[in-house]
C-alpha atoms as a PDB file:
ATOM      1  CA  MET A   1      81.984 -70.439-116.377  1.00  0.00           C
ATOM      2  CA  LEU A   2      82.243 -72.643-119.323  1.00  0.00           C
ATOM      3  CA  PHE A   3      83.327 -76.506-118.106  1.00  0.00           C
ATOM      4  CA  MET A   4      84.163 -79.461-119.941  1.00  0.00           C
ATOM      5  CA  VAL A   5      81.869 -82.295-119.153  1.00  0.00           C
ATOM      6  CA  GLY A   6      82.949 -85.671-120.206  1.00  0.00           C
ATOM      7  CA  ILE A   7      80.372 -88.410-120.566  1.00  0.00           C
ATOM      8  CA  GLU A   8      80.576 -92.086-120.314  1.00  0.00           C
ATOM      9  CA  LYS A   9      78.087 -94.167-121.671  1.00  0.00           C
ATOM     10  CA  PRO A  10      76.589 -96.880-119.673  1.00  0.00           C
ATOM     11  CA  GLU A  11      77.617-100.532-120.652  1.00  0.00           C
ATOM     12  CA  ASN A  12      74.210-102.268-120.038  1.00  0.00           C
ATOM     13  CA  LYS A  13      70.844-100.935-118.974  1.00  0.00           C
ATOM     14  CA  ASN A  14      71.570-101.943-115.518  1.00  0.00           C
ATOM     15  CA  SER A  15      74.306 -99.145-115.196  1.00  0.00           C
ATOM     16  CA  ALA A  16      74.537 -95.488-114.638  1.00  0.00           C
ATOM     17  CA  TRP A  17      76.147 -92.961-117.275  1.00  0.00           C
ATOM     18  CA  GLY A  18      79.327 -91.725-115.797  1.00  0.00           C
ATOM     19  CA  ILE A  19      80.042 -87.940-115.576  1.00  0.00           C
ATOM     20  CA  VAL A  20      83.669 -86.464-114.956  1.00  0.00           C
ATOM     21  CA  VAL A  21      85.013 -82.660-114.809  1.00  0.00           C
ATOM     22  CA  PRO A  22      88.717 -82.954-115.260  1.00  0.00           C
ATOM     23  CA  VAL A  23      89.683 -79.310-114.499  1.00  0.00           C
ATOM     24  CA  PHE A  24      89.068 -79.559-110.835  1.00  0.00           C
ATOM     25  CA  GLU A  25      91.968 -82.119-111.013  1.00  0.00           C
ATOM     26  CA  GLU A  26      94.144 -79.106-111.102  1.00  0.00           C
ATOM     27  CA  LEU A  27      93.628 -77.982-107.752  1.00  0.00           C
ATOM     28  CA  GLY A  28      93.669 -81.504-106.318  1.00  0.00           C
ATOM     29  CA  TYR A  29      89.754 -82.145-106.621  1.00  0.00           C
ATOM     30  CA  GLY A  30      87.721 -84.827-108.433  1.00  0.00           C
ATOM     31  CA  CYS A  31      85.234 -84.187-109.477  1.00  0.00           C
ATOM     32  CA  VAL A  32      82.937 -87.241-111.114  1.00  0.00           C
ATOM     33  CA  SER A  33      78.977 -87.753-110.828  1.00  0.00           C
ATOM     34  CA  ALA A  34      76.532 -90.459-112.458  1.00  0.00           C
ATOM     35  CA  ALA A  35      72.816 -90.348-114.152  1.00  0.00           C
ATOM     36  CA  ASP A  36      70.391 -92.641-114.111  1.00  0.00           C
ATOM     37  CA  SER A  37      69.194 -91.679-117.635  1.00  0.00           C
ATOM     38  CA  GLN A  38      70.209 -89.484-120.322  1.00  0.00           C
ATOM     39  CA  ALA A  39      67.813 -87.179-119.838  1.00  0.00           C
ATOM     40  CA  GLU A  40      69.449 -86.416-116.161  1.00  0.00           C
ATOM     41  CA  LEU A  41      72.847 -85.747-117.043  1.00  0.00           C
ATOM     42  CA  LEU A  42      72.967 -82.193-117.619  1.00  0.00           C
ATOM     43  CA  TYR A  43      71.199 -81.996-114.147  1.00  0.00           C
ATOM     44  CA  ARG A  44      73.752 -84.297-112.459  1.00  0.00           C
ATOM     45  CA  ALA A  45      76.843 -82.372-114.152  1.00  0.00           C
ATOM     46  CA  LYS A  46      75.856 -79.179-112.837  1.00  0.00           C
ATOM     47  CA  GLU A  47      74.479 -80.423-109.721  1.00  0.00           C
ATOM     48  CA  ALA A  48      78.267 -81.654-109.428  1.00  0.00           C
ATOM     49  CA  ILE A  49      80.071 -78.750-110.171  1.00  0.00           C
ATOM     50  CA  LEU A  50      78.370 -76.517-107.984  1.00  0.00           C
ATOM     51  CA  THR A  51      78.916 -78.886-104.924  1.00  0.00           C
ATOM     52  CA  MET A  52      82.922 -79.391-105.809  1.00  0.00           C
ATOM     53  CA  ALA A  53      82.967 -75.088-106.758  1.00  0.00           C
ATOM     54  CA  GLU A  54      81.682 -74.654-102.980  1.00  0.00           C
ATOM     55  CA  GLU A  55      84.218 -77.130-101.733  1.00  0.00           C
ATOM     56  CA  VAL A  56      86.868 -75.428-103.656  1.00  0.00           C
ATOM     57  CA  ILE A  57      85.543 -71.933-102.452  1.00  0.00           C
ATOM     58  CA  ALA A  58      85.487 -73.268 -99.052  1.00  0.00           C
ATOM     59  CA  ASP A  59      88.978 -74.623 -98.751  1.00  0.00           C
ATOM     60  CA  GLY A  60      90.373 -70.824 -99.705  1.00  0.00           C
ATOM     61  CA  HIS A  61      90.851 -71.440-103.397  1.00  0.00           C
ATOM     62  CA  MET A  62      90.117 -68.601-105.978  1.00  0.00           C
ATOM     63  CA  ILE A  63      87.173 -70.168-108.170  1.00  0.00           C
ATOM     64  CA  SER A  64      88.458 -68.289-110.986  1.00  0.00           C
ATOM     65  CA  ALA A  65      91.623 -70.692-111.258  1.00  0.00           C
ATOM     66  CA  LEU A  66      89.615 -73.204-112.983  1.00  0.00           C
ATOM     67  CA  ASP A  67      88.804 -70.869-116.210  1.00  0.00           C
ATOM     68  CA  ARG A  68      89.988 -72.941-118.554  1.00  0.00           C
ATOM     69  CA  GLY A  69      86.923 -72.328-121.083  1.00  0.00           C
ATOM     70  CA  PHE A  70      86.792 -75.040-124.259  1.00  0.00           C
ATOM     71  CA  ALA A  71      89.450 -77.736-123.479  1.00  0.00           C
ATOM     72  CA  ASP A  72      89.991 -81.204-125.122  1.00  0.00           C
ATOM     73  CA  TYR A  73      90.246 -83.583-122.335  1.00  0.00           C
ATOM     74  CA  GLN A  74      89.784 -86.691-124.477  1.00  0.00           C
ATOM     75  CA  ALA A  75      93.469 -88.247-124.596  1.00  0.00           C
ATOM     76  CA  ASP A  76      93.053 -88.555-121.012  1.00  0.00           C
ATOM     77  CA  TYR A  77      89.936 -89.939-120.675  1.00  0.00           C
ATOM     78  CA  PRO A  78      89.457 -92.431-123.289  1.00  0.00           C
ATOM     79  CA  SER A  79      86.198 -93.916-121.779  1.00  0.00           C
ATOM     80  CA  PHE A  80      84.287 -90.965-122.025  1.00  0.00           C
ATOM     81  CA  GLU A  81      83.189 -90.563-125.573  1.00  0.00           C
ATOM     82  CA  ARG A  82      81.172 -87.669-125.524  1.00  0.00           C
ATOM     83  CA  TRP A  83      82.242 -84.330-123.976  1.00  0.00           C
ATOM     84  CA  LEU A  84      79.811 -81.269-123.177  1.00  0.00           C
ATOM     85  CA  ALA A  85      80.632 -77.961-122.489  1.00  0.00           C
ATOM     86  CA  VAL A  86      78.128 -76.577-119.619  1.00  0.00           C
ATOM     87  CA  GLU A  87      78.363 -73.131-118.645  1.00  0.00           C
ATOM     88  CA  VAL A  88      77.532 -72.870-115.004  1.00  0.00           C
ATOM     89  CA  PRO A  89      77.113 -69.736-112.855  1.00  0.00           C
ATOM     90  CA  VAL A  90      79.753 -70.215-110.239  1.00  0.00           C
ATOM     91  CA  GLU A  91      80.829 -66.606-110.148  1.00  0.00           C
ATOM     92  CA  GLY A  92      77.901 -65.712-107.759  1.00  0.00           C
ATOM     93  CA  LEU A  93      79.430 -68.472-105.260  1.00  0.00           C
ATOM     94  CA  LYS A  94      81.282 -66.467-102.943  1.00  0.00           C
ATOM     95  CA  GLY A  95      80.487 -67.922 -99.498  1.00  0.00           C
ATOM     96  CA  LYS A  96      79.219 -65.284 -98.473  1.00  0.00           C
ATOM     97  CA  GLN A  97      75.817 -65.210 -96.346  1.00  0.00           C
ATOM     98  CA  LYS A  98      73.316 -63.443 -97.815  1.00  0.00           C
ATOM     99  CA  ARG A  99      69.768 -62.350 -95.468  1.00  0.00           C
ATOM    100  CA  VAL A 100      66.404 -63.684 -96.502  1.00  0.00           C
ATOM    101  CA  ASN A 101      63.022 -63.695 -94.963  1.00  0.00           C
ATOM    102  CA  ILE A 102      61.461 -66.574 -94.454  1.00  0.00           C
ATOM    103  CA  THR A 103      57.908 -67.356 -93.196  1.00  0.00           C
ATOM    104  CA  LEU A 104      57.433 -70.617 -90.464  1.00  0.00           C
ATOM    105  CA  PRO A 105      54.976 -71.598 -88.499  1.00  0.00           C
ATOM    106  CA  GLU A 106      55.468 -70.563 -84.803  1.00  0.00           C
ATOM    107  CA  PRO A 107      55.696 -74.218 -83.144  1.00  0.00           C
ATOM    108  CA  LEU A 108      58.108 -75.008 -85.934  1.00  0.00           C
ATOM    109  CA  LEU A 109      60.418 -72.348 -84.915  1.00  0.00           C
ATOM    110  CA  ALA A 110      60.266 -73.367 -81.494  1.00  0.00           C
ATOM    111  CA  ARG A 111      61.123 -76.934 -82.321  1.00  0.00           C
ATOM    112  CA  VAL A 112      63.823 -75.640 -84.652  1.00  0.00           C
ATOM    113  CA  ASP A 113      65.072 -73.536 -81.541  1.00  0.00           C
ATOM    114  CA  ALA A 114      65.149 -76.199 -79.365  1.00  0.00           C
ATOM    115  CA  TYR A 115      66.767 -78.721 -81.607  1.00  0.00           C
ATOM    116  CA  VAL A 116      69.503 -76.238 -81.958  1.00  0.00           C
ATOM    117  CA  GLY A 117      69.927 -75.175 -78.223  1.00  0.00           C
ATOM    118  CA  PHE A 118      70.326 -79.255 -77.641  1.00  0.00           C
ATOM    119  CA  HIS A 119      72.658 -79.835 -80.776  1.00  0.00           C
ATOM    120  CA  ASN A 120      76.531 -78.009 -80.803  1.00  0.00           C
ATOM    121  CA  GLU A 121      77.097 -79.172 -84.382  1.00  0.00           C
ATOM    122  CA  PHE A 122      74.770 -76.178 -85.187  1.00  0.00           C
ATOM    123  CA  LYS A 123      76.166 -72.643 -84.629  1.00  0.00           C
ATOM    124  CA  ASP A 124      72.726 -70.712 -84.680  1.00  0.00           C
ATOM    125  CA  ARG A 125      69.179 -71.220 -86.524  1.00  0.00           C
ATOM    126  CA  SER A 126      70.418 -69.980 -90.034  1.00  0.00           C
ATOM    127  CA  ASP A 127      72.710 -72.788 -89.744  1.00  0.00           C
ATOM    128  CA  PHE A 128      70.485 -75.255 -89.309  1.00  0.00           C
ATOM    129  CA  LEU A 129      68.143 -74.532 -91.842  1.00  0.00           C
ATOM    130  CA  ALA A 130      71.033 -74.153 -94.442  1.00  0.00           C
ATOM    131  CA  LYS A 131      72.507 -77.521 -93.231  1.00  0.00           C
ATOM    132  CA  ALA A 132      69.242 -79.025 -93.522  1.00  0.00           C
ATOM    133  CA  ALA A 133      68.234 -77.956 -96.719  1.00  0.00           C
ATOM    134  CA  ASP A 134      71.574 -78.785 -98.370  1.00  0.00           C
ATOM    135  CA  ARG A 135      71.030 -82.452 -96.788  1.00  0.00           C
ATOM    136  CA  PHE A 136      67.449 -82.795 -97.842  1.00  0.00           C
ATOM    137  CA  MET A 137      68.547 -82.045-101.770  1.00  0.00           C
ATOM    138  CA  GLN A 138      71.524 -84.358-101.681  1.00  0.00           C
ATOM    139  CA  ASN A 139      69.054 -87.190-100.666  1.00  0.00           C
ATOM    140  CA  SER A 140      66.516 -86.445-103.131  1.00  0.00           C
END
């Protein structure tokens, strides 16, 4: 799906590049991010779109409701001087579970199972591994 992404140039060398994806506001969400360098803009924009699309789906909205294609948001976002049309494959985000086969050392698997057994915030081993992977990627 095509998303229009606004880019705000940093005010000085100690500021970040601003990123906005206005189409999410139509469903009552805000989608903003920042990048430390110009080279990082596309990655951070796609990351923000995918993260917000997952939230939209989890809340029961159809992601196809956001399909606006090329749109001009310049008048509503004058501080965002540059605009990118970014293709992000959100159609595959259906919220369905997918079985994967992974290999873990037995001692690690035992530790994971023990941890999950004592922490009620995880439904099961798969839930723990999914949340751990997501947290790791958000923190990097």
